[in-house]
C-alpha cells in the first residue's frame, strides 16, 4: 500500500508540473509564427507587428501584465522603421526577476525562386514558442519570484530590439532586480549531445549551467558550448543584458558545424523536432522553478 501511495503521489506531482504545458500548443505557436502569412517576420513590416500581437495575445491569455504601460508591445524606431518588443510579467511575492527571452523576427522574403519566404521556423520561432510555452507552464503556478517573458524584434539586423529594450527608461528600472535572463535561440533541432540536451553559450562565465543541471528531472541537460570559435555568447540578445550586469546566456541546439537551414528558405515547420523541443521546454521550466523555490541566484565567475 505504501508503494502504491507513493506512486500515486509521484504521478500527481508530475501531472501538476506539466498541467499547463502542451506540446500540441507549442507546435501551433511555431506553425503560426512561421507560416507564409507572416512573410518571414522582417523588421519594420506589418507581418512583424502581427507576430508581436500574436505573442501578446498568448501573454494576455496567461494573465501576464504588461511590463511597461498598458500594452505588451514596447515600440521603438530604428533607421526610420518602427519595431516593437513584447514584454509580459507575472508578479511574485519577491521583486527578484527570473526572465526568459527570444527574438521573434526573421529575415523576410525575396523574389528569387518559387519559394520566396524565409519562414524561420527554427530561427527563431522555436525559441519564441518556448517563451510562450513557458508562460503556459507557469500560468497557474504561484511563484515566490517574479517571472518576465520577452520577445525581441530586430535581432537579425544587429541585436537592435533587445538593445532598445534595455535602454528604455521605463523598462530599465527592472534590470537591478533581474537575477537571470535565459535567451532561447534556435531550439528546434536535435543537438550534437542528443535528445533533451541543449548547450549554453558562455557557460564558463557563471554558475548558471551547474544550477540548472542540479535541478533537472528528465533527460533534459545543459552542456557547454562546443562552438567556442564562433563566439556565440556575443552574437545573440543575451549580450545586451550582460552589458547591463545581468547574468544572461543563450540556450540552443543548432549544430553550427553541420546545419543546412540557417537563414535558408528550407527553415520550415518540418525542421522542428517537437518531441525533443517538448523535453527542453519543460526541462527549462522545471529547473528554473526549482531554482526559484530554493532562492538560487546565479553569479558570474570571478
C-alpha atoms as a PDB file:
ATOM      1  CA  UNK A   1       0.000   0.000   0.000  1.00  0.00           C
ATOM      2  CA  UNK A   2       2.828   2.409   0.838  1.00  0.00           C
ATOM      3  CA  UNK A   3       4.435   1.822  -2.552  1.00  0.00           C
ATOM      4  CA  UNK A   4       1.075   2.386  -4.268  1.00  0.00           C
ATOM      5  CA  UNK A   5       0.506   5.626  -2.345  1.00  0.00           C
ATOM      6  CA  UNK A   6       3.976   6.868  -3.250  1.00  0.00           C
ATOM      7  CA  UNK A   7       3.378   6.065  -6.933  1.00  0.00           C
ATOM      8  CA  UNK A   8       0.066   7.941  -6.955  1.00  0.00           C
ATOM      9  CA  UNK A   9       1.646  10.973  -5.288  1.00  0.00           C
ATOM     10  CA  UNK A  10       4.537  10.932  -7.744  1.00  0.00           C
ATOM     11  CA  UNK A  11       2.183  10.775 -10.714  1.00  0.00           C
ATOM     12  CA  UNK A  12       0.103  13.607  -9.289  1.00  0.00           C
ATOM     13  CA  UNK A  13       3.201  15.734  -8.795  1.00  0.00           C
ATOM     14  CA  UNK A  14       4.338  15.074 -12.363  1.00  0.00           C
ATOM     15  CA  UNK A  15       0.914  15.937 -13.773  1.00  0.00           C
ATOM     16  CA  UNK A  16       0.921  19.199 -11.827  1.00  0.00           C
ATOM     17  CA  UNK A  17       4.362  20.078 -13.173  1.00  0.00           C
ATOM     18  CA  UNK A  18       3.034  19.728 -16.716  1.00  0.00           C
ATOM     19  CA  UNK A  19      -0.513  20.951 -16.062  1.00  0.00           C
ATOM     20  CA  UNK A  20      -0.414  23.915 -18.434  1.00  0.00           C
ATOM     21  CA  UNK A  21       2.283  22.921 -20.936  1.00  0.00           C
ATOM     22  CA  UNK A  22       1.060  21.353 -24.188  1.00  0.00           C
ATOM     23  CA  UNK A  23       3.324  20.033 -26.932  1.00  0.00           C
ATOM     24  CA  UNK A  24       0.470  20.455 -29.398  1.00  0.00           C
ATOM     25  CA  UNK A  25       0.033  24.093 -28.393  1.00  0.00           C
ATOM     26  CA  UNK A  26       3.740  24.834 -28.729  1.00  0.00           C
ATOM     27  CA  UNK A  27       3.779  23.329 -32.217  1.00  0.00           C
ATOM     28  CA  UNK A  28       0.810  25.544 -33.080  1.00  0.00           C
ATOM     29  CA  UNK A  29       2.763  28.606 -31.923  1.00  0.00           C
ATOM     30  CA  UNK A  30       5.624  27.674 -34.268  1.00  0.00           C
ATOM     31  CA  UNK A  31       3.231  26.960 -37.124  1.00  0.00           C
ATOM     32  CA  UNK A  32       1.556  30.356 -36.756  1.00  0.00           C
ATOM     33  CA  UNK A  33       4.782  32.338 -36.422  1.00  0.00           C
ATOM     34  CA  UNK A  34       6.494  30.598 -39.345  1.00  0.00           C
ATOM     35  CA  UNK A  35       3.514  30.460 -41.691  1.00  0.00           C
ATOM     36  CA  UNK A  36       3.710  32.043 -45.143  1.00  0.00           C
ATOM     37  CA  UNK A  37       1.183  34.604 -43.909  1.00  0.00           C
ATOM     38  CA  UNK A  38       3.909  36.128 -41.707  1.00  0.00           C
ATOM     39  CA  UNK A  39       6.191  36.608 -44.746  1.00  0.00           C
ATOM     40  CA  UNK A  40       9.355  35.902 -42.793  1.00  0.00           C
ATOM     41  CA  UNK A  41       8.701  38.411 -39.976  1.00  0.00           C
ATOM     42  CA  UNK A  42      11.080  41.031 -41.360  1.00  0.00           C
ATOM     43  CA  UNK A  43      11.791  44.066 -39.196  1.00  0.00           C
ATOM     44  CA  UNK A  44       9.508  47.037 -39.797  1.00  0.00           C
ATOM     45  CA  UNK A  45       6.831  45.071 -41.660  1.00  0.00           C
ATOM     46  CA  UNK A  46       3.132  44.662 -40.990  1.00  0.00           C
ATOM     47  CA  UNK A  47       3.719  40.936 -40.548  1.00  0.00           C
ATOM     48  CA  UNK A  48       6.303  41.585 -37.847  1.00  0.00           C
ATOM     49  CA  UNK A  49       3.712  43.539 -35.912  1.00  0.00           C
ATOM     50  CA  UNK A  50       1.146  40.764 -36.443  1.00  0.00           C
ATOM     51  CA  UNK A  51       3.668  38.312 -34.971  1.00  0.00           C
ATOM     52  CA  UNK A  52       4.169  40.584 -31.966  1.00  0.00           C
ATOM     53  CA  UNK A  53       0.416  40.834 -31.459  1.00  0.00           C
ATOM     54  CA  UNK A  54       0.137  37.034 -31.597  1.00  0.00           C
ATOM     55  CA  UNK A  55       2.729  36.723 -28.829  1.00  0.00           C
ATOM     56  CA  UNK A  56       0.996  39.436 -26.798  1.00  0.00           C
ATOM     57  CA  UNK A  57      -2.293  37.558 -27.126  1.00  0.00           C
ATOM     58  CA  UNK A  58      -0.699  34.497 -25.508  1.00  0.00           C
ATOM     59  CA  UNK A  59       0.746  36.619 -22.709  1.00  0.00           C
ATOM     60  CA  UNK A  60      -2.683  38.114 -22.045  1.00  0.00           C
ATOM     61  CA  UNK A  61      -4.313  34.661 -22.083  1.00  0.00           C
ATOM     62  CA  UNK A  62      -1.846  33.573 -19.408  1.00  0.00           C
ATOM     63  CA  UNK A  63      -2.741  36.520 -17.150  1.00  0.00           C
ATOM     64  CA  UNK A  64       0.557  38.335 -17.520  1.00  0.00           C
ATOM     65  CA  UNK A  65       0.679  42.105 -17.109  1.00  0.00           C
ATOM     66  CA  UNK A  66       2.435  44.498 -19.496  1.00  0.00           C
ATOM     67  CA  UNK A  67       5.962  45.362 -18.354  1.00  0.00           C
ATOM     68  CA  UNK A  68       5.610  48.994 -19.425  1.00  0.00           C
ATOM     69  CA  UNK A  69       2.394  50.996 -19.591  1.00  0.00           C
ATOM     70  CA  UNK A  70      -0.839  49.317 -20.622  1.00  0.00           C
ATOM     71  CA  UNK A  71       0.377  47.432 -23.711  1.00  0.00           C
ATOM     72  CA  UNK A  72       2.518  44.315 -24.049  1.00  0.00           C
ATOM     73  CA  UNK A  73       4.141  45.972 -27.077  1.00  0.00           C
ATOM     74  CA  UNK A  74       7.033  48.348 -26.369  1.00  0.00           C
ATOM     75  CA  UNK A  75       7.611  50.329 -29.548  1.00  0.00           C
ATOM     76  CA  UNK A  76      10.847  51.812 -30.884  1.00  0.00           C
ATOM     77  CA  UNK A  77      12.272  53.295 -34.063  1.00  0.00           C
ATOM     78  CA  UNK A  78      15.424  52.374 -35.938  1.00  0.00           C
ATOM     79  CA  UNK A  79      16.632  53.851 -39.214  1.00  0.00           C
ATOM     80  CA  UNK A  80      13.209  55.264 -39.965  1.00  0.00           C
ATOM     81  CA  UNK A  81      11.355  51.998 -39.327  1.00  0.00           C
ATOM     82  CA  UNK A  82       9.078  51.151 -36.428  1.00  0.00           C
ATOM     83  CA  UNK A  83       9.547  47.992 -34.409  1.00  0.00           C
ATOM     84  CA  UNK A  84       8.175  46.516 -31.233  1.00  0.00           C
ATOM     85  CA  UNK A  85       9.423  44.295 -28.450  1.00  0.00           C
ATOM     86  CA  UNK A  86       6.891  42.269 -26.472  1.00  0.00           C
ATOM     87  CA  UNK A  87       7.116  42.012 -22.690  1.00  0.00           C
ATOM     88  CA  UNK A  88       4.859  40.459 -20.048  1.00  0.00           C
ATOM     89  CA  UNK A  89       5.368  39.998 -16.326  1.00  0.00           C
ATOM     90  CA  UNK A  90       3.993  37.639 -13.669  1.00  0.00           C
ATOM     91  CA  UNK A  91       4.433  39.346 -10.330  1.00  0.00           C
ATOM     92  CA  UNK A  92       5.635  37.203  -7.444  1.00  0.00           C
ATOM     93  CA  UNK A  93       5.970  37.960  -3.755  1.00  0.00           C
ATOM     94  CA  UNK A  94       9.593  38.933  -4.344  1.00  0.00           C
ATOM     95  CA  UNK A  95      10.833  41.617  -6.737  1.00  0.00           C
ATOM     96  CA  UNK A  96      13.607  39.247  -7.865  1.00  0.00           C
ATOM     97  CA  UNK A  97      13.099  38.609 -11.579  1.00  0.00           C
ATOM     98  CA  UNK A  98      13.813  35.389 -13.471  1.00  0.00           C
ATOM     99  CA  UNK A  99      13.419  36.202 -17.162  1.00  0.00           C
ATOM    100  CA  UNK A 100      13.037  34.373 -20.468  1.00  0.00           C
ATOM    101  CA  UNK A 101      13.669  35.970 -23.844  1.00  0.00           C
ATOM    102  CA  UNK A 102      13.875  35.149 -27.550  1.00  0.00           C
ATOM    103  CA  UNK A 103      13.916  37.130 -30.771  1.00  0.00           C
ATOM    104  CA  UNK A 104      10.847  36.642 -32.928  1.00  0.00           C
ATOM    105  CA  UNK A 105      11.941  38.483 -36.078  1.00  0.00           C
ATOM    106  CA  UNK A 106      13.500  36.801 -39.101  1.00  0.00           C
ATOM    107  CA  UNK A 107      14.848  37.932 -42.479  1.00  0.00           C
ATOM    108  CA  UNK A 108      11.653  38.299 -44.511  1.00  0.00           C
ATOM    109  CA  UNK A 109      11.449  37.258 -48.158  1.00  0.00           C
ATOM    110  CA  UNK A 110      12.898  37.873 -51.616  1.00  0.00           C
ATOM    111  CA  UNK A 111      11.799  37.398 -55.222  1.00  0.00           C
ATOM    112  CA  UNK A 112      14.130  34.527 -56.081  1.00  0.00           C
ATOM    113  CA  UNK A 113      12.760  31.093 -56.982  1.00  0.00           C
ATOM    114  CA  UNK A 114       9.370  29.532 -56.384  1.00  0.00           C
ATOM    115  CA  UNK A 115       9.714  29.645 -52.608  1.00  0.00           C
ATOM    116  CA  UNK A 116      10.179  33.298 -51.739  1.00  0.00           C
ATOM    117  CA  UNK A 117       9.756  33.269 -47.943  1.00  0.00           C
ATOM    118  CA  UNK A 118      12.346  32.707 -45.223  1.00  0.00           C
ATOM    119  CA  UNK A 119       9.898  31.203 -42.714  1.00  0.00           C
ATOM    120  CA  UNK A 120      12.329  30.945 -39.801  1.00  0.00           C
ATOM    121  CA  UNK A 121      10.708  28.001 -38.013  1.00  0.00           C
ATOM    122  CA  UNK A 122      13.875  27.161 -36.095  1.00  0.00           C
ATOM    123  CA  UNK A 123      15.297  30.700 -36.270  1.00  0.00           C
ATOM    124  CA  UNK A 124      13.616  31.711 -34.140  1.00  0.00           C
ATOM    125  CA  UNK A 125      10.007  30.602 -33.935  1.00  0.00           C
ATOM    126  CA  UNK A 126      11.347  27.662 -31.918  1.00  0.00           C
ATOM    127  CA  UNK A 127      12.828  29.952 -29.260  1.00  0.00           C
ATOM    128  CA  UNK A 128       9.876  32.347 -29.262  1.00  0.00           C
ATOM    129  CA  UNK A 129       7.396  29.488 -28.958  1.00  0.00           C
ATOM    130  CA  UNK A 130       9.372  28.237 -25.949  1.00  0.00           C
ATOM    131  CA  UNK A 131       9.000  31.616 -24.234  1.00  0.00           C
ATOM    132  CA  UNK A 132       5.264  31.435 -24.983  1.00  0.00           C
ATOM    133  CA  UNK A 133       5.105  27.824 -23.784  1.00  0.00           C
ATOM    134  CA  UNK A 134       6.882  28.771 -20.555  1.00  0.00           C
ATOM    135  CA  UNK A 135       4.187  31.366 -19.911  1.00  0.00           C
ATOM    136  CA  UNK A 136       1.721  28.473 -20.310  1.00  0.00           C
ATOM    137  CA  UNK A 137       3.811  26.306 -17.967  1.00  0.00           C
ATOM    138  CA  UNK A 138       3.811  28.848 -15.143  1.00  0.00           C
ATOM    139  CA  UNK A 139       0.279  30.188 -15.710  1.00  0.00           C
ATOM    140  CA  UNK A 140      -1.359  28.650 -12.632  1.00  0.00           C
ATOM    141  CA  UNK A 141       1.762  28.257 -10.506  1.00  0.00           C
ATOM    142  CA  UNK A 142       2.231  30.503  -7.501  1.00  0.00           C
ATOM    143  CA  UNK A 143       5.840  31.580  -7.540  1.00  0.00           C
ATOM    144  CA  UNK A 144       7.794  33.433  -4.894  1.00  0.00           C
ATOM    145  CA  UNK A 145       9.850  35.174  -7.568  1.00  0.00           C
ATOM    146  CA  UNK A 146       8.680  37.425 -10.376  1.00  0.00           C
ATOM    147  CA  UNK A 147       8.756  35.995 -13.906  1.00  0.00           C
ATOM    148  CA  UNK A 148       9.309  38.032 -17.053  1.00  0.00           C
ATOM    149  CA  UNK A 149       8.759  36.961 -20.662  1.00  0.00           C
ATOM    150  CA  UNK A 150      10.243  38.899 -23.572  1.00  0.00           C
ATOM    151  CA  UNK A 151      10.174  38.622 -27.366  1.00  0.00           C
ATOM    152  CA  UNK A 152      12.690  40.819 -29.166  1.00  0.00           C
ATOM    153  CA  UNK A 153      12.339  42.452 -32.557  1.00  0.00           C
ATOM    154  CA  UNK A 154      15.184  43.376 -34.929  1.00  0.00           C
ATOM    155  CA  UNK A 155      17.746  40.810 -33.746  1.00  0.00           C
ATOM    156  CA  UNK A 156      18.610  39.920 -37.314  1.00  0.00           C
ATOM    157  CA  UNK A 157      19.841  43.439 -38.090  1.00  0.00           C
ATOM    158  CA  UNK A 158      22.271  43.609 -35.171  1.00  0.00           C
ATOM    159  CA  UNK A 159      20.572  42.786 -31.842  1.00  0.00           C
ATOM    160  CA  UNK A 160      18.749  46.114 -32.123  1.00  0.00           C
ATOM    161  CA  UNK A 161      15.457  45.276 -30.389  1.00  0.00           C
ATOM    162  CA  UNK A 162      16.946  43.967 -27.154  1.00  0.00           C
ATOM    163  CA  UNK A 163      19.355  46.921 -27.030  1.00  0.00           C
ATOM    164  CA  UNK A 164      16.446  49.329 -27.411  1.00  0.00           C
ATOM    165  CA  UNK A 165      14.617  47.484 -24.641  1.00  0.00           C
ATOM    166  CA  UNK A 166      17.368  47.605 -22.024  1.00  0.00           C
ATOM    167  CA  UNK A 167      17.882  51.290 -22.833  1.00  0.00           C
ATOM    168  CA  UNK A 168      14.167  52.067 -22.489  1.00  0.00           C
ATOM    169  CA  UNK A 169      13.876  54.282 -19.406  1.00  0.00           C
ATOM    170  CA  UNK A 170      10.691  52.672 -18.085  1.00  0.00           C
ATOM    171  CA  UNK A 171      11.939  49.115 -18.682  1.00  0.00           C
ATOM    172  CA  UNK A 172      15.473  49.672 -17.372  1.00  0.00           C
ATOM    173  CA  UNK A 173      14.155  50.002 -13.812  1.00  0.00           C
ATOM    174  CA  UNK A 174      13.687  46.206 -13.823  1.00  0.00           C
ATOM    175  CA  UNK A 175      17.329  45.421 -14.540  1.00  0.00           C
ATOM    176  CA  UNK A 176      18.629  45.813 -10.992  1.00  0.00           C
ATOM    177  CA  UNK A 177      16.173  43.126  -9.833  1.00  0.00           C
ATOM    178  CA  UNK A 178      16.818  40.742 -12.742  1.00  0.00           C
ATOM    179  CA  UNK A 179      18.728  37.731 -11.408  1.00  0.00           C
ATOM    180  CA  UNK A 180      18.913  35.841 -14.688  1.00  0.00           C
ATOM    181  CA  UNK A 181      17.784  36.162 -18.290  1.00  0.00           C
ATOM    182  CA  UNK A 182      17.696  32.965 -20.325  1.00  0.00           C
ATOM    183  CA  UNK A 183      17.838  33.730 -24.032  1.00  0.00           C
ATOM    184  CA  UNK A 184      16.352  30.962 -26.180  1.00  0.00           C
ATOM    185  CA  UNK A 185      17.878  30.736 -29.643  1.00  0.00           C
ATOM    186  CA  UNK A 186      17.153  28.007 -32.214  1.00  0.00           C
ATOM    187  CA  UNK A 187      15.978  25.052 -30.122  1.00  0.00           C
ATOM    188  CA  UNK A 188      14.085  23.166 -32.819  1.00  0.00           C
ATOM    189  CA  UNK A 189      16.624  20.526 -33.832  1.00  0.00           C
ATOM    190  CA  UNK A 190      18.479  17.716 -32.083  1.00  0.00           C
ATOM    191  CA  UNK A 191      21.761  18.972 -30.652  1.00  0.00           C
ATOM    192  CA  UNK A 192      25.093  17.204 -31.083  1.00  0.00           C
ATOM    193  CA  UNK A 193      24.667  15.987 -27.482  1.00  0.00           C
ATOM    194  CA  UNK A 194      21.446  14.066 -28.162  1.00  0.00           C
ATOM    195  CA  UNK A 195      17.831  14.075 -27.032  1.00  0.00           C
ATOM    196  CA  UNK A 196      16.797  16.664 -24.473  1.00  0.00           C
ATOM    197  CA  UNK A 197      20.220  18.318 -24.464  1.00  0.00           C
ATOM    198  CA  UNK A 198      20.950  21.990 -25.077  1.00  0.00           C
ATOM    199  CA  UNK A 199      24.191  23.927 -24.948  1.00  0.00           C
ATOM    200  CA  UNK A 200      24.756  27.203 -23.134  1.00  0.00           C
ATOM    201  CA  UNK A 201      26.866  29.958 -24.641  1.00  0.00           C
ATOM    202  CA  UNK A 202      29.491  31.359 -22.294  1.00  0.00           C
ATOM    203  CA  UNK A 203      28.771  28.624 -19.757  1.00  0.00           C
ATOM    204  CA  UNK A 204      32.127  29.145 -18.014  1.00  0.00           C
ATOM    205  CA  UNK A 205      31.260  32.766 -17.234  1.00  0.00           C
ATOM    206  CA  UNK A 206      28.758  31.920 -14.465  1.00  0.00           C
ATOM    207  CA  UNK A 207      27.396  29.060 -12.366  1.00  0.00           C
ATOM    208  CA  UNK A 208      24.021  29.026 -14.158  1.00  0.00           C
ATOM    209  CA  UNK A 209      24.657  25.771 -16.033  1.00  0.00           C
ATOM    210  CA  UNK A 210      25.563  23.968 -12.801  1.00  0.00           C
ATOM    211  CA  UNK A 211      22.464  25.311 -11.050  1.00  0.00           C
ATOM    212  CA  UNK A 212      20.151  24.260 -13.869  1.00  0.00           C
ATOM    213  CA  UNK A 213      21.683  20.791 -14.078  1.00  0.00           C
ATOM    214  CA  UNK A 214      21.293  20.290 -10.331  1.00  0.00           C
ATOM    215  CA  UNK A 215      17.559  20.884 -10.765  1.00  0.00           C
ATOM    216  CA  UNK A 216      16.558  18.538 -13.575  1.00  0.00           C
ATOM    217  CA  UNK A 217      14.149  15.632 -13.538  1.00  0.00           C
ATOM    218  CA  UNK A 218      14.142  14.217 -17.089  1.00  0.00           C
ATOM    219  CA  UNK A 219      16.670  13.701 -19.888  1.00  0.00           C
ATOM    220  CA  UNK A 220      16.976  17.484 -20.137  1.00  0.00           C
ATOM    221  CA  UNK A 221      20.535  18.662 -19.553  1.00  0.00           C
ATOM    222  CA  UNK A 222      22.598  21.763 -20.264  1.00  0.00           C
ATOM    223  CA  UNK A 223      26.002  21.228 -21.881  1.00  0.00           C
ATOM    224  CA  UNK A 224      28.887  23.619 -22.532  1.00  0.00           C
ATOM    225  CA  UNK A 225      29.038  25.417 -25.873  1.00  0.00           C
ATOM    226  CA  UNK A 226      31.015  23.219 -28.309  1.00  0.00           C
ATOM    227  CA  UNK A 227      31.397  26.027 -30.865  1.00  0.00           C
ATOM    228  CA  UNK A 228      33.635  28.415 -28.927  1.00  0.00           C
ATOM    229  CA  UNK A 229      35.463  29.715 -32.006  1.00  0.00           C
ATOM    230  CA  UNK A 230      32.185  31.146 -33.282  1.00  0.00           C
ATOM    231  CA  UNK A 231      31.811  33.444 -30.258  1.00  0.00           C
ATOM    232  CA  UNK A 232      28.076  32.731 -29.945  1.00  0.00           C
ATOM    233  CA  UNK A 233      27.905  34.326 -26.495  1.00  0.00           C
ATOM    234  CA  UNK A 234      28.352  37.734 -28.140  1.00  0.00           C
ATOM    235  CA  UNK A 235      26.088  37.091 -31.137  1.00  0.00           C
ATOM    236  CA  UNK A 236      22.640  36.972 -29.578  1.00  0.00           C
ATOM    237  CA  UNK A 237      20.355  39.138 -27.447  1.00  0.00           C
ATOM    238  CA  UNK A 238      21.770  37.911 -24.140  1.00  0.00           C
ATOM    239  CA  UNK A 239      24.782  40.188 -24.611  1.00  0.00           C
ATOM    240  CA  UNK A 240      22.716  43.375 -24.228  1.00  0.00           C
ATOM    241  CA  UNK A 241      21.624  42.156 -20.788  1.00  0.00           C
ATOM    242  CA  UNK A 242      25.178  41.094 -19.931  1.00  0.00           C
ATOM    243  CA  UNK A 243      26.280  44.657 -20.680  1.00  0.00           C
ATOM    244  CA  UNK A 244      23.802  45.834 -18.026  1.00  0.00           C
ATOM    245  CA  UNK A 245      25.181  43.462 -15.384  1.00  0.00           C
ATOM    246  CA  UNK A 246      22.520  40.741 -15.687  1.00  0.00           C
ATOM    247  CA  UNK A 247      23.561  37.069 -15.701  1.00  0.00           C
ATOM    248  CA  UNK A 248      22.415  36.089 -19.180  1.00  0.00           C
ATOM    249  CA  UNK A 249      23.249  33.230 -21.528  1.00  0.00           C
ATOM    250  CA  UNK A 250      21.720  31.720 -24.653  1.00  0.00           C
ATOM    251  CA  UNK A 251      20.483  28.138 -24.849  1.00  0.00           C
ATOM    252  CA  UNK A 252      20.498  26.463 -28.252  1.00  0.00           C
ATOM    253  CA  UNK A 253      20.541  23.124 -30.031  1.00  0.00           C
ATOM    254  CA  UNK A 254      21.617  24.157 -33.529  1.00  0.00           C
ATOM    255  CA  UNK A 255      24.686  22.365 -34.861  1.00  0.00           C
ATOM    256  CA  UNK A 256      26.811  25.261 -36.092  1.00  0.00           C
ATOM    257  CA  UNK A 257      29.151  22.930 -37.993  1.00  0.00           C
ATOM    258  CA  UNK A 258      26.544  20.812 -39.765  1.00  0.00           C
ATOM    259  CA  UNK A 259      23.297  22.674 -40.373  1.00  0.00           C
ATOM    260  CA  UNK A 260      21.655  23.402 -43.701  1.00  0.00           C
ATOM    261  CA  UNK A 261      18.711  25.613 -42.794  1.00  0.00           C
ATOM    262  CA  UNK A 262      20.214  28.653 -41.049  1.00  0.00           C
ATOM    263  CA  UNK A 263      18.942  31.739 -42.932  1.00  0.00           C
ATOM    264  CA  UNK A 264      17.695  29.465 -45.713  1.00  0.00           C
ATOM    265  CA  UNK A 265      14.217  29.020 -47.166  1.00  0.00           C
ATOM    266  CA  UNK A 266      14.067  25.405 -46.013  1.00  0.00           C
ATOM    267  CA  UNK A 267      13.839  26.545 -42.360  1.00  0.00           C
ATOM    268  CA  UNK A 268      10.227  25.420 -42.230  1.00  0.00           C
ATOM    269  CA  UNK A 269       7.979  23.510 -39.851  1.00  0.00           C
ATOM    270  CA  UNK A 270       9.312  20.086 -40.871  1.00  0.00           C
ATOM    271  CA  UNK A 271      12.736  21.042 -39.458  1.00  0.00           C
ATOM    272  CA  UNK A 272      11.296  21.115 -35.934  1.00  0.00           C
ATOM    273  CA  UNK A 273      11.750  18.048 -33.710  1.00  0.00           C
ATOM    274  CA  UNK A 274       8.768  18.768 -31.483  1.00  0.00           C
ATOM    275  CA  UNK A 275       9.209  15.789 -29.132  1.00  0.00           C
ATOM    276  CA  UNK A 276      12.728  16.948 -28.342  1.00  0.00           C
ATOM    277  CA  UNK A 277      11.635  20.580 -28.024  1.00  0.00           C
ATOM    278  CA  UNK A 278       8.910  19.491 -25.612  1.00  0.00           C
ATOM    279  CA  UNK A 279      11.504  17.874 -23.328  1.00  0.00           C
ATOM    280  CA  UNK A 280      13.591  21.041 -23.478  1.00  0.00           C
ATOM    281  CA  UNK A 281      10.746  23.479 -22.804  1.00  0.00           C
ATOM    282  CA  UNK A 282       9.516  21.535 -19.789  1.00  0.00           C
ATOM    283  CA  UNK A 283      13.082  20.944 -18.595  1.00  0.00           C
ATOM    284  CA  UNK A 284      13.815  24.667 -18.616  1.00  0.00           C
ATOM    285  CA  UNK A 285      10.571  25.379 -16.790  1.00  0.00           C
ATOM    286  CA  UNK A 286      11.198  22.776 -14.103  1.00  0.00           C
ATOM    287  CA  UNK A 287      14.829  23.745 -13.469  1.00  0.00           C
ATOM    288  CA  UNK A 288      14.021  27.457 -13.146  1.00  0.00           C
ATOM    289  CA  UNK A 289      11.029  26.633 -10.946  1.00  0.00           C
ATOM    290  CA  UNK A 290      13.266  24.657  -8.582  1.00  0.00           C
ATOM    291  CA  UNK A 291      15.918  27.367  -8.582  1.00  0.00           C
ATOM    292  CA  UNK A 292      13.311  29.931  -7.555  1.00  0.00           C
ATOM    293  CA  UNK A 293      11.989  27.689  -4.776  1.00  0.00           C
ATOM    294  CA  UNK A 294      15.490  27.361  -3.343  1.00  0.00           C
ATOM    295  CA  UNK A 295      16.343  31.035  -3.874  1.00  0.00           C
ATOM    296  CA  UNK A 296      19.242  30.041  -6.110  1.00  0.00           C
ATOM    297  CA  UNK A 297      20.616  33.081  -7.905  1.00  0.00           C
ATOM    298  CA  UNK A 298      23.359  32.568 -10.488  1.00  0.00           C
ATOM    299  CA  UNK A 299      26.535  34.573 -10.174  1.00  0.00           C
ATOM    300  CA  UNK A 300      29.237  35.472 -12.646  1.00  0.00           C
ATOM    301  CA  UNK A 301      32.582  33.760 -12.142  1.00  0.00           C
ATOM    302  CA  UNK A 302      35.342  35.918 -10.699  1.00  0.00           C
END
